[in-house]
């Protein structure tokens, strides 16, 4: 599983996205894991398949830090500051050493207060 994920990442870094995706899809254990789904979602996003990337991230729910981050950014960009704050707060609580998340919470609060 780890070697397949690494191979997929190598193909992805080389811009060989169809090969990167195929490596994931050919390994059922990997493609059904959180790491495999995150990698597949990133590939879909990179290829412009935004709806599919969102579907994959949504299927991960609370299990994926990457999915929470993705949806927090999306909510912020859409002006849904309540959701952006909630998701970012979950991440900040999970990773208290990450000062960038605290900064993001401040930015979200500022944007929400400016909206009012």
C-alpha atoms as a PDB file:
ATOM      1  CA  UNK A   1       0.000   0.000   0.000  1.00  0.00           C
ATOM      2  CA  UNK A   2       2.735   2.469   0.969  1.00  0.00           C
ATOM      3  CA  UNK A   3       4.742   1.724  -2.167  1.00  0.00           C
ATOM      4  CA  UNK A   4       1.662   2.217  -4.353  1.00  0.00           C
ATOM      5  CA  UNK A   5       0.932   5.545  -2.685  1.00  0.00           C
ATOM      6  CA  UNK A   6       4.536   6.623  -3.166  1.00  0.00           C
ATOM      7  CA  UNK A   7       4.457   5.576  -6.835  1.00  0.00           C
ATOM      8  CA  UNK A   8       1.244   7.537  -7.330  1.00  0.00           C
ATOM      9  CA  UNK A   9       2.830  10.604  -5.737  1.00  0.00           C
ATOM     10  CA  UNK A  10       5.863  10.293  -8.021  1.00  0.00           C
ATOM     11  CA  UNK A  11       3.648  10.135 -11.117  1.00  0.00           C
ATOM     12  CA  UNK A  12       1.651  13.083  -9.825  1.00  0.00           C
ATOM     13  CA  UNK A  13       4.762  15.217  -9.257  1.00  0.00           C
ATOM     14  CA  UNK A  14       5.840  14.439 -12.822  1.00  0.00           C
ATOM     15  CA  UNK A  15       2.442  15.615 -14.088  1.00  0.00           C
ATOM     16  CA  UNK A  16       1.449  12.109 -15.126  1.00  0.00           C
ATOM     17  CA  UNK A  17      -1.956  12.324 -13.490  1.00  0.00           C
ATOM     18  CA  UNK A  18      -3.696   9.464 -15.351  1.00  0.00           C
ATOM     19  CA  UNK A  19      -0.899   7.084 -14.291  1.00  0.00           C
ATOM     20  CA  UNK A  20      -1.008   8.399 -10.719  1.00  0.00           C
ATOM     21  CA  UNK A  21      -4.763   7.807 -10.604  1.00  0.00           C
ATOM     22  CA  UNK A  22      -4.475   4.349 -12.139  1.00  0.00           C
ATOM     23  CA  UNK A  23      -1.974   3.259  -9.479  1.00  0.00           C
ATOM     24  CA  UNK A  24      -4.499   4.259  -6.816  1.00  0.00           C
ATOM     25  CA  UNK A  25      -7.447   2.619  -8.525  1.00  0.00           C
ATOM     26  CA  UNK A  26      -5.532  -0.616  -9.129  1.00  0.00           C
ATOM     27  CA  UNK A  27      -4.900  -1.055  -5.404  1.00  0.00           C
ATOM     28  CA  UNK A  28      -8.263  -1.649  -3.697  1.00  0.00           C
ATOM     29  CA  UNK A  29      -6.802  -1.467  -0.194  1.00  0.00           C
ATOM     30  CA  UNK A  30      -5.178   1.877  -0.952  1.00  0.00           C
ATOM     31  CA  UNK A  31      -8.097   3.464  -2.784  1.00  0.00           C
ATOM     32  CA  UNK A  32     -10.396   2.550   0.115  1.00  0.00           C
ATOM     33  CA  UNK A  33      -8.077   4.044   2.740  1.00  0.00           C
ATOM     34  CA  UNK A  34      -8.159   7.640   3.967  1.00  0.00           C
ATOM     35  CA  UNK A  35      -4.714   8.351   2.463  1.00  0.00           C
ATOM     36  CA  UNK A  36      -5.729   6.813  -0.851  1.00  0.00           C
ATOM     37  CA  UNK A  37      -8.972   8.768  -1.021  1.00  0.00           C
ATOM     38  CA  UNK A  38      -7.165  11.991  -0.144  1.00  0.00           C
ATOM     39  CA  UNK A  39      -4.649  11.337  -2.935  1.00  0.00           C
ATOM     40  CA  UNK A  40      -7.453  10.580  -5.378  1.00  0.00           C
ATOM     41  CA  UNK A  41      -9.316  13.758  -4.382  1.00  0.00           C
ATOM     42  CA  UNK A  42      -6.151  15.838  -4.922  1.00  0.00           C
ATOM     43  CA  UNK A  43      -5.711  14.284  -8.367  1.00  0.00           C
ATOM     44  CA  UNK A  44      -9.338  14.951  -9.294  1.00  0.00           C
ATOM     45  CA  UNK A  45      -8.964  18.569  -8.143  1.00  0.00           C
ATOM     46  CA  UNK A  46      -5.719  18.975 -10.094  1.00  0.00           C
ATOM     47  CA  UNK A  47      -7.389  17.632 -13.230  1.00  0.00           C
ATOM     48  CA  UNK A  48     -10.265  20.090 -12.817  1.00  0.00           C
ATOM     49  CA  UNK A  49     -12.808  17.525 -11.631  1.00  0.00           C
ATOM     50  CA  UNK A  50     -13.921  19.706  -8.724  1.00  0.00           C
ATOM     51  CA  UNK A  51     -17.270  17.977  -8.177  1.00  0.00           C
ATOM     52  CA  UNK A  52     -15.602  14.567  -7.941  1.00  0.00           C
ATOM     53  CA  UNK A  53     -12.920  15.909  -5.588  1.00  0.00           C
ATOM     54  CA  UNK A  54     -15.621  17.365  -3.351  1.00  0.00           C
ATOM     55  CA  UNK A  55     -17.557  14.091  -3.402  1.00  0.00           C
ATOM     56  CA  UNK A  56     -14.466  12.146  -2.338  1.00  0.00           C
ATOM     57  CA  UNK A  57     -13.590  14.607   0.425  1.00  0.00           C
ATOM     58  CA  UNK A  58     -17.217  14.556   1.643  1.00  0.00           C
ATOM     59  CA  UNK A  59     -17.100  10.761   1.849  1.00  0.00           C
ATOM     60  CA  UNK A  60     -14.166  11.032   4.245  1.00  0.00           C
ATOM     61  CA  UNK A  61     -16.048  13.201   6.727  1.00  0.00           C
ATOM     62  CA  UNK A  62     -14.409  13.563  10.119  1.00  0.00           C
ATOM     63  CA  UNK A  63     -11.724  10.974   9.334  1.00  0.00           C
ATOM     64  CA  UNK A  64      -9.647  13.313   7.194  1.00  0.00           C
ATOM     65  CA  UNK A  65      -7.739  16.389   8.281  1.00  0.00           C
ATOM     66  CA  UNK A  66      -7.252  17.234   4.611  1.00  0.00           C
ATOM     67  CA  UNK A  67     -11.003  17.090   3.946  1.00  0.00           C
ATOM     68  CA  UNK A  68     -11.729  19.398   6.903  1.00  0.00           C
ATOM     69  CA  UNK A  69      -9.133  21.846   5.611  1.00  0.00           C
ATOM     70  CA  UNK A  70     -10.546  21.656   2.077  1.00  0.00           C
ATOM     71  CA  UNK A  71     -14.097  22.386   3.238  1.00  0.00           C
ATOM     72  CA  UNK A  72     -12.967  25.120   5.648  1.00  0.00           C
ATOM     73  CA  UNK A  73     -11.256  26.950   2.771  1.00  0.00           C
ATOM     74  CA  UNK A  74     -14.246  26.419   0.509  1.00  0.00           C
ATOM     75  CA  UNK A  75     -16.628  27.748   3.175  1.00  0.00           C
ATOM     76  CA  UNK A  76     -14.439  30.801   3.769  1.00  0.00           C
ATOM     77  CA  UNK A  77     -14.304  31.579   0.050  1.00  0.00           C
ATOM     78  CA  UNK A  78     -18.091  31.262  -0.144  1.00  0.00           C
ATOM     79  CA  UNK A  79     -18.544  33.614   2.811  1.00  0.00           C
ATOM     80  CA  UNK A  80     -19.857  30.834   5.066  1.00  0.00           C
ATOM     81  CA  UNK A  81     -17.784  32.003   8.015  1.00  0.00           C
ATOM     82  CA  UNK A  82     -19.664  29.932  10.582  1.00  0.00           C
ATOM     83  CA  UNK A  83     -18.716  26.669   8.847  1.00  0.00           C
ATOM     84  CA  UNK A  84     -15.203  27.904   8.091  1.00  0.00           C
ATOM     85  CA  UNK A  85     -14.700  28.794  11.747  1.00  0.00           C
ATOM     86  CA  UNK A  86     -16.135  25.504  13.018  1.00  0.00           C
ATOM     87  CA  UNK A  87     -13.904  23.360  10.792  1.00  0.00           C
ATOM     88  CA  UNK A  88     -10.801  25.457  11.393  1.00  0.00           C
ATOM     89  CA  UNK A  89     -11.442  25.374  15.146  1.00  0.00           C
ATOM     90  CA  UNK A  90     -11.621  21.576  15.006  1.00  0.00           C
ATOM     91  CA  UNK A  91      -8.245  21.545  13.269  1.00  0.00           C
ATOM     92  CA  UNK A  92      -6.756  24.064  15.713  1.00  0.00           C
ATOM     93  CA  UNK A  93      -7.949  21.955  18.646  1.00  0.00           C
ATOM     94  CA  UNK A  94      -6.461  18.845  17.045  1.00  0.00           C
ATOM     95  CA  UNK A  95      -3.155  20.589  16.301  1.00  0.00           C
ATOM     96  CA  UNK A  96      -2.629  23.214  19.035  1.00  0.00           C
ATOM     97  CA  UNK A  97       0.993  23.779  17.975  1.00  0.00           C
ATOM     98  CA  UNK A  98      -0.137  25.090  14.575  1.00  0.00           C
ATOM     99  CA  UNK A  99      -0.147  28.863  14.972  1.00  0.00           C
ATOM    100  CA  UNK A 100      -1.236  29.265  11.339  1.00  0.00           C
ATOM    101  CA  UNK A 101      -4.604  27.760  12.275  1.00  0.00           C
ATOM    102  CA  UNK A 102      -5.002  30.301  15.083  1.00  0.00           C
ATOM    103  CA  UNK A 103      -4.183  33.029  12.563  1.00  0.00           C
ATOM    104  CA  UNK A 104      -6.826  31.626  10.216  1.00  0.00           C
ATOM    105  CA  UNK A 105      -9.396  31.671  13.029  1.00  0.00           C
ATOM    106  CA  UNK A 106      -8.612  35.364  13.564  1.00  0.00           C
ATOM    107  CA  UNK A 107      -8.968  36.044   9.825  1.00  0.00           C
ATOM    108  CA  UNK A 108     -12.312  34.251   9.741  1.00  0.00           C
ATOM    109  CA  UNK A 109     -13.554  36.225  12.764  1.00  0.00           C
ATOM    110  CA  UNK A 110     -12.464  39.489  11.131  1.00  0.00           C
ATOM    111  CA  UNK A 111     -14.140  38.618   7.858  1.00  0.00           C
ATOM    112  CA  UNK A 112     -17.336  37.649   9.686  1.00  0.00           C
ATOM    113  CA  UNK A 113     -17.403  40.901  11.636  1.00  0.00           C
ATOM    114  CA  UNK A 114     -16.804  42.915   8.445  1.00  0.00           C
ATOM    115  CA  UNK A 115     -19.710  41.106   6.798  1.00  0.00           C
ATOM    116  CA  UNK A 116     -22.124  42.170   9.557  1.00  0.00           C
END
